[in-house]
Amino acid sequence: MKVLEQGLSTTVQDLGRIGFQKYGVVVGGVMDEVAAKIANILIGNNEDDAVVEMTLIGPTLLFQQDTLISLCGADLSASIGGKPVPLWKPIFVKAGSVLRFGRPQQGCRTYLAIAGGIDVPLVMESRSTYVRGGIGGYQGRALQKGDVLNFNPSDLSKFLRMQIWSGPFKPVNWTVSSLIKPVYKKDPQIRFIKGPQFDLFTEKSKGEFLSEKYKVTPNSDRMGYRLSAKALKLTTNVELLSEAVTMGTIQVPKDGQPIILMADRQTIGGYPKIGYVASIDFPVLSQVLPGENLTFKEISIPDAQRLLLDRDQMISKVKMGISLAFRRMKNGSY
């Protein structure tokens, strides 16, 4: 696959560089884990195979061989040969086809999975790109015009060679259930769990945190979302030891404006932590655009865990259904 135009921020990502945070290495990985996982599952890949993450302004990509792809996540108006390409389903693509993207319709990050997964070197057990550190992915950087990505061999290669269809691409006639697709919407409500320093904030600030609309500022990125609203205040000045942070940590620096740490977050932090975004809402949070607003709603740990387990069970059911669908496809009934 050749990059004809690079887009705004187009990188190779997987589920992250797990197990190296204690050495000061960021986790990184995809921002919207559910979209990336489903994209891989749809075409018979492993959940953690490398995908292409595209942000807001998508790239232009030339497929140099017949392949099977899927697009999941935000609707960035994908098209091939001037015809819209559907999301959340497998798509056969002919060699010579060009995938383009247009105006964002919903959300800001789309994931392109390719049968076999993208063939880039493993760096500390991950293929994710960490641009600030210059490691992983394709030469440790965002994709640029002229780059060529290779694919790993796929069990579907022989099956692909048997397919005959007119036009540059052909989607299958089924998709995943709407129950598994994250609901991306403008100005979402984000559920959170109270952080260890929640009670160090004034009663007024705690009330405002639960009632204010927070604007995602333009200087937000994969490292963190900087929010803007009424400044949050502590009851007293405190000195905290730096400790490990996770995706979704809501830190409050001295200016009182919260920062939500995202995929490329630092490994430790010392600011007061007013809360943690519940993992179930990471996909929705990752699709919020700069300039949009979000609000916070408290959720209990048991409820957050139950929702996460329910989602994982749903993804497992999707995997079983896709396996059955591929068996039918190989029998010619797709």
Protein backbone atom coordinates (compact mmCIF):
# COMPACT_ATOMS: atom_id res chain seq x y z
CA MET A 1 0.00 0.00 0.00
CA LYS A 2 1.51 3.31 -1.07
CA VAL A 3 0.84 6.63 0.62
CA LEU A 4 -0.07 9.21 -2.04
CA GLU A 5 -1.05 11.92 0.47
CA GLN A 6 -0.23 11.67 4.16
CA GLY A 7 -3.20 13.32 5.86
CA LEU A 8 -3.03 15.21 9.14
CA SER A 9 -1.71 12.53 11.51
CA THR A 10 -1.51 9.03 10.04
CA THR A 11 0.37 6.45 12.10
CA VAL A 12 0.74 2.70 12.49
CA GLN A 13 -0.61 1.58 15.88
CA ASP A 14 -1.52 -1.58 17.77
CA LEU A 15 -2.81 -2.05 21.33
CA GLY A 16 0.30 -0.51 22.87
CA ARG A 17 3.72 -1.17 24.34
CA ILE A 18 2.64 -3.06 27.46
CA GLY A 19 5.04 -3.82 30.32
CA PHE A 20 7.68 -1.13 29.79
CA GLN A 21 6.19 1.81 31.68
CA LYS A 22 8.38 0.99 34.69
CA TYR A 23 11.38 1.76 32.47
CA GLY A 24 9.96 5.13 31.45
CA VAL A 25 8.58 3.92 28.10
CA VAL A 26 5.08 5.18 27.27
CA VAL A 27 2.36 2.67 26.46
CA GLY A 28 1.00 4.45 23.37
CA GLY A 29 -1.16 2.41 21.00
CA VAL A 30 -4.53 3.17 19.45
CA MET A 31 -6.75 5.81 21.00
CA ASP A 32 -10.01 3.96 20.24
CA GLU A 33 -9.31 0.36 21.21
CA VAL A 34 -12.78 -0.95 20.39
CA ALA A 35 -12.74 0.39 16.82
CA ALA A 36 -9.25 -1.01 16.22
CA LYS A 37 -10.12 -4.43 17.66
CA ILE A 38 -13.33 -4.75 15.65
CA ALA A 39 -11.54 -3.62 12.48
CA ASN A 40 -9.07 -6.49 12.90
CA ILE A 41 -11.68 -9.06 13.90
CA LEU A 42 -13.78 -8.22 10.84
CA ILE A 43 -11.07 -9.44 8.45
CA GLY A 44 -9.76 -12.41 10.40
CA ASN A 45 -6.75 -10.70 12.01
CA ASN A 46 -5.66 -10.97 15.62
CA GLU A 47 -7.08 -8.21 17.81
CA ASP A 48 -3.63 -6.76 18.43
CA ASP A 49 -2.43 -6.66 14.81
CA ALA A 50 -1.13 -3.30 13.62
CA VAL A 51 -3.61 -0.92 11.98
CA VAL A 52 -3.43 2.55 10.49
CA GLU A 53 -4.83 5.29 12.74
CA MET A 54 -6.05 8.35 10.82
CA THR A 55 -6.97 11.61 12.51
CA LEU A 56 -9.46 14.18 11.21
CA ILE A 57 -7.93 14.58 7.73
CA GLY A 58 -7.35 11.16 6.23
CA PRO A 59 -4.58 10.13 3.84
CA THR A 60 -4.83 9.01 0.21
CA LEU A 61 -3.74 5.38 -0.16
CA LEU A 62 -3.02 3.25 -3.24
CA PHE A 63 -3.50 -0.51 -2.87
CA GLN A 64 -0.91 -2.28 -4.97
CA GLN A 65 -2.39 -5.76 -4.57
CA ASP A 66 -5.82 -7.31 -4.05
CA THR A 67 -6.64 -7.38 -0.38
CA LEU A 68 -9.34 -7.38 2.28
CA ILE A 69 -9.74 -4.33 4.50
CA SER A 70 -12.09 -2.82 7.05
CA LEU A 71 -12.63 0.70 8.34
CA CYS A 72 -13.96 1.30 11.85
CA GLY A 73 -14.31 4.35 14.05
CA ALA A 74 -15.09 7.88 12.92
CA ASP A 75 -16.83 8.63 9.64
CA LEU A 76 -14.23 10.53 7.62
CA SER A 77 -16.15 10.16 4.32
CA ALA A 78 -14.05 7.33 2.89
CA SER A 79 -14.38 6.61 -0.81
CA ILE A 80 -12.83 4.50 -3.57
CA GLY A 81 -13.38 5.47 -7.19
CA GLY A 82 -15.76 8.21 -6.09
CA LYS A 83 -18.10 5.78 -4.33
CA PRO A 84 -18.57 5.78 -0.52
CA VAL A 85 -16.86 3.00 1.39
CA PRO A 86 -18.95 1.68 4.31
CA LEU A 87 -17.65 1.38 7.85
CA TRP A 88 -17.74 -1.64 10.17
CA LYS A 89 -17.69 -4.40 7.52
CA PRO A 90 -15.12 -6.36 5.46
CA ILE A 91 -14.37 -4.93 2.03
CA PHE A 92 -12.62 -6.60 -0.90
CA VAL A 93 -10.30 -4.13 -2.67
CA LYS A 94 -8.69 -4.59 -6.09
CA ALA A 95 -5.09 -3.75 -6.86
CA GLY A 96 -4.82 -0.23 -8.27
CA SER A 97 -7.68 1.13 -6.15
CA VAL A 98 -7.20 4.44 -4.34
CA LEU A 99 -8.77 5.05 -0.93
CA ARG A 100 -9.53 8.70 -0.20
CA PHE A 101 -11.08 10.57 2.71
CA GLY A 102 -13.14 13.74 2.82
CA ARG A 103 -14.99 15.85 5.35
CA PRO A 104 -15.32 14.39 8.88
CA GLN A 105 -18.95 13.53 9.59
CA GLN A 106 -18.74 12.02 13.05
CA GLY A 107 -15.76 11.61 15.38
CA CYS A 108 -12.14 12.26 14.43
CA ARG A 109 -10.24 8.94 14.33
CA THR A 110 -10.66 6.09 11.85
CA TYR A 111 -8.85 2.74 11.84
CA LEU A 112 -7.84 0.88 8.69
CA ALA A 113 -7.15 -2.82 9.16
CA ILE A 114 -5.67 -4.91 6.36
CA ALA A 115 -5.82 -8.72 6.13
CA GLY A 116 -2.64 -10.12 7.66
CA GLY A 117 -1.79 -6.94 9.56
CA ILE A 118 0.77 -4.29 8.68
CA ASP A 119 4.34 -5.55 8.50
CA VAL A 120 6.51 -3.18 10.52
CA PRO A 121 9.21 -4.22 13.03
CA LEU A 122 8.39 -5.04 16.62
CA VAL A 123 9.97 -2.57 19.04
CA MET A 124 9.67 -3.65 22.67
CA GLU A 125 6.95 -6.13 21.68
CA SER A 126 4.79 -3.55 19.90
CA ARG A 127 4.36 -2.07 16.43
CA SER A 128 2.89 1.19 17.76
CA THR A 129 4.35 4.50 16.67
CA TYR A 130 5.53 6.85 19.40
CA VAL A 131 6.29 9.98 17.40
CA ARG A 132 7.81 12.01 20.27
CA GLY A 133 10.30 9.23 20.96
CA GLY A 134 10.85 8.32 17.32
CA ILE A 135 10.25 4.61 17.89
CA GLY A 136 7.98 1.93 16.49
CA GLY A 137 5.59 1.97 13.59
CA TYR A 138 7.00 3.03 10.24
CA GLN A 139 10.47 4.46 10.93
CA GLY A 140 9.24 5.93 14.23
CA ARG A 141 7.17 8.65 12.59
CA ALA A 142 3.84 9.53 11.02
CA LEU A 143 3.37 8.27 7.47
CA GLN A 144 4.53 10.55 4.69
CA LYS A 145 3.89 10.84 0.98
CA GLY A 146 5.73 8.09 -0.87
CA ASP A 147 5.88 5.59 2.02
CA VAL A 148 5.02 1.99 1.16
CA LEU A 149 3.56 -0.38 3.77
CA ASN A 150 3.77 -4.14 3.37
CA PHE A 151 1.26 -6.63 4.76
CA ASN A 152 1.88 -9.85 6.62
CA PRO A 153 0.69 -13.08 4.92
CA SER A 154 -3.00 -13.80 5.47
CA ASP A 155 -4.91 -17.08 5.63
CA LEU A 156 -7.40 -15.39 3.30
CA SER A 157 -4.85 -14.79 0.51
CA LYS A 158 -5.87 -17.87 -1.47
CA PHE A 159 -9.53 -17.07 -0.95
CA LEU A 160 -8.98 -13.49 -2.19
CA ARG A 161 -7.46 -14.70 -5.44
CA MET A 162 -10.66 -16.65 -6.12
CA GLN A 163 -12.92 -13.60 -5.84
CA ILE A 164 -14.36 -11.96 -8.96
CA TRP A 165 -16.26 -8.70 -8.76
CA SER A 166 -16.80 -5.61 -10.85
CA GLY A 167 -15.57 -2.22 -9.72
CA PRO A 168 -12.61 -1.34 -7.51
CA PHE A 169 -14.12 -2.70 -4.27
CA LYS A 170 -16.90 -4.87 -2.91
CA PRO A 171 -18.26 -4.79 0.66
CA VAL A 172 -19.86 -7.91 2.11
CA ASN A 173 -23.58 -7.79 2.81
CA TRP A 174 -23.31 -7.99 6.60
CA THR A 175 -21.90 -5.90 9.42
CA VAL A 176 -21.43 -5.98 13.18
CA SER A 177 -24.33 -5.31 15.51
CA SER A 178 -25.04 -1.73 16.51
CA LEU A 179 -24.82 -2.95 20.11
CA ILE A 180 -21.02 -3.23 19.86
CA LYS A 181 -20.36 0.01 17.99
CA PRO A 182 -19.40 2.94 20.27
CA VAL A 183 -21.87 5.81 20.01
CA TYR A 184 -19.80 8.81 18.92
CA LYS A 185 -21.62 12.06 19.52
CA LYS A 186 -20.87 15.71 19.95
CA ASP A 187 -20.47 17.01 23.52
CA PRO A 188 -20.63 13.58 25.23
CA GLN A 189 -21.05 12.81 28.91
CA ILE A 190 -17.97 10.97 30.20
CA ARG A 191 -18.22 8.68 33.21
CA PHE A 192 -15.45 8.83 35.79
CA ILE A 193 -14.34 7.25 39.06
CA LYS A 194 -13.21 9.51 41.91
CA GLY A 195 -9.46 9.91 42.17
CA PRO A 196 -7.34 9.74 45.34
CA GLN A 197 -7.23 13.53 45.68
CA PHE A 198 -10.91 14.20 44.91
CA ASP A 199 -11.66 15.24 48.49
CA LEU A 200 -8.74 17.70 48.54
CA PHE A 201 -10.71 20.02 46.25
CA THR A 202 -13.12 22.59 47.64
CA GLU A 203 -16.80 21.69 47.83
CA LYS A 204 -17.50 24.36 45.21
CA SER A 205 -14.91 22.92 42.84
CA LYS A 206 -16.21 19.38 43.30
CA GLY A 207 -19.69 20.58 42.46
CA GLU A 208 -18.45 22.49 39.41
CA PHE A 209 -16.50 19.48 38.18
CA LEU A 210 -19.78 17.54 38.09
CA SER A 211 -21.85 20.31 36.52
CA GLU A 212 -19.62 22.38 34.22
CA LYS A 213 -19.15 21.88 30.50
CA TYR A 214 -15.46 21.47 29.73
CA LYS A 215 -14.18 22.55 26.35
CA VAL A 216 -11.46 20.46 24.73
CA THR A 217 -8.82 23.02 23.77
CA PRO A 218 -6.89 23.08 20.45
CA ASN A 219 -3.62 22.11 22.16
CA SER A 220 -4.98 18.63 22.89
CA ASP A 221 -3.37 15.59 21.26
CA ARG A 222 -2.63 11.89 21.71
CA MET A 223 -0.73 12.67 24.91
CA GLY A 224 -3.57 14.45 26.66
CA TYR A 225 -6.75 16.50 26.35
CA ARG A 226 -6.44 19.93 27.91
CA LEU A 227 -9.81 21.16 29.16
CA SER A 228 -11.06 24.65 29.81
CA ALA A 229 -13.76 25.84 32.25
CA LYS A 230 -13.86 27.36 35.74
CA ALA A 231 -10.57 26.69 37.51
CA LEU A 232 -10.70 23.94 40.13
CA LYS A 233 -9.23 24.83 43.52
CA LEU A 234 -7.73 22.80 46.35
CA THR A 235 -8.60 23.38 49.98
CA THR A 236 -4.86 23.68 50.69
CA ASN A 237 -1.59 23.50 48.81
CA VAL A 238 -0.24 19.95 48.71
CA GLU A 239 3.02 18.38 47.62
CA LEU A 240 2.53 14.98 46.04
CA LEU A 241 5.02 12.31 45.10
CA SER A 242 4.98 11.43 41.42
CA GLU A 243 3.39 8.07 40.72
CA ALA A 244 2.36 5.94 37.76
CA VAL A 245 -0.49 7.24 35.62
CA THR A 246 -2.89 5.45 33.29
CA MET A 247 -4.97 6.40 30.29
CA GLY A 248 -7.96 8.38 31.50
CA THR A 249 -6.21 9.90 34.53
CA ILE A 250 -7.68 13.38 35.13
CA GLN A 251 -4.91 15.56 36.52
CA VAL A 252 -5.37 19.13 37.73
CA PRO A 253 -2.24 21.31 37.46
CA LYS A 254 -1.75 24.61 39.29
CA ASP A 255 -3.89 26.61 36.85
CA GLY A 256 -6.92 24.53 37.87
CA GLN A 257 -7.69 23.37 34.32
CA PRO A 258 -7.97 19.55 34.09
CA ILE A 259 -5.91 17.43 31.72
CA ILE A 260 -7.12 13.96 30.69
CA LEU A 261 -4.14 11.73 29.94
CA MET A 262 -4.51 9.74 26.72
CA ALA A 263 -2.63 6.99 24.82
CA ASP A 264 0.76 8.75 24.56
CA ARG A 265 0.69 9.96 28.17
CA GLN A 266 3.84 10.22 30.25
CA THR A 267 4.64 7.33 32.59
CA ILE A 268 4.36 9.21 35.92
CA GLY A 269 2.68 12.37 37.17
CA GLY A 270 2.59 14.42 40.34
CA TYR A 271 -0.45 16.66 39.91
CA PRO A 272 -3.58 16.00 42.02
CA LYS A 273 -5.84 13.43 40.39
CA ILE A 274 -9.50 14.36 40.71
CA GLY A 275 -10.66 11.27 38.87
CA TYR A 276 -10.15 8.53 36.29
CA VAL A 277 -12.25 8.19 33.15
CA ALA A 278 -14.01 4.82 33.17
CA SER A 279 -12.46 2.52 30.54
CA ILE A 280 -15.87 1.89 28.99
CA ASP A 281 -15.89 5.51 27.78
CA PHE A 282 -12.38 5.60 26.27
CA PRO A 283 -13.71 5.01 22.72
CA VAL A 284 -16.16 7.92 22.96
CA LEU A 285 -13.58 10.18 24.60
CA SER A 286 -10.98 9.42 21.91
CA GLN A 287 -13.33 10.70 19.20
CA VAL A 288 -14.00 14.14 20.75
CA LEU A 289 -12.74 16.99 18.57
CA PRO A 290 -10.94 20.11 19.81
CA GLY A 291 -13.55 22.80 20.37
CA GLU A 292 -16.21 20.35 21.47
CA ASN A 293 -17.46 20.10 25.06
CA LEU A 294 -17.76 17.24 27.49
CA THR A 295 -19.29 16.78 30.91
CA PHE A 296 -18.45 14.35 33.71
CA LYS A 297 -20.70 11.91 35.55
CA GLU A 298 -19.57 9.75 38.47
CA ILE A 299 -19.81 5.98 38.17
CA SER A 300 -19.02 3.35 40.80
CA ILE A 301 -16.16 0.90 40.33
CA PRO A 302 -18.50 -2.15 40.31
CA ASP A 303 -20.74 -0.56 37.65
CA ALA A 304 -17.72 0.41 35.54
CA GLN A 305 -16.32 -3.13 35.78
CA ARG A 306 -19.68 -4.68 34.89
CA LEU A 307 -20.02 -2.53 31.77
CA LEU A 308 -16.48 -3.40 30.69
CA LEU A 309 -17.09 -7.13 31.16
CA ASP A 310 -20.33 -6.88 29.19
CA ARG A 311 -18.47 -5.19 26.33
CA ASP A 312 -15.71 -7.81 26.35
CA GLN A 313 -18.32 -10.56 26.18
CA MET A 314 -19.95 -8.80 23.24
CA ILE A 315 -16.60 -8.60 21.41
CA SER A 316 -16.13 -12.34 22.01
CA LYS A 317 -19.54 -12.99 20.44
CA VAL A 318 -18.57 -10.83 17.46
CA LYS A 319 -15.41 -12.94 16.98
CA MET A 320 -17.49 -16.12 16.95
CA GLY A 321 -19.95 -14.62 14.48
CA ILE A 322 -17.18 -13.42 12.17
CA SER A 323 -15.59 -16.88 12.14
CA LEU A 324 -18.92 -18.33 11.04
CA ALA A 325 -19.33 -15.61 8.41
CA PHE A 326 -15.88 -16.37 6.93
CA ARG A 327 -16.74 -20.05 6.69
CA ARG A 328 -19.84 -19.10 4.73
CA MET A 329 -17.83 -16.71 2.55
CA LYS A 330 -15.42 -19.50 1.66
CA ASN A 331 -18.44 -21.56 0.61
CA GLY A 332 -19.45 -18.73 -1.72
CA SER A 333 -22.49 -17.47 0.24
CA TYR A 334 -21.40 -13.96 1.13
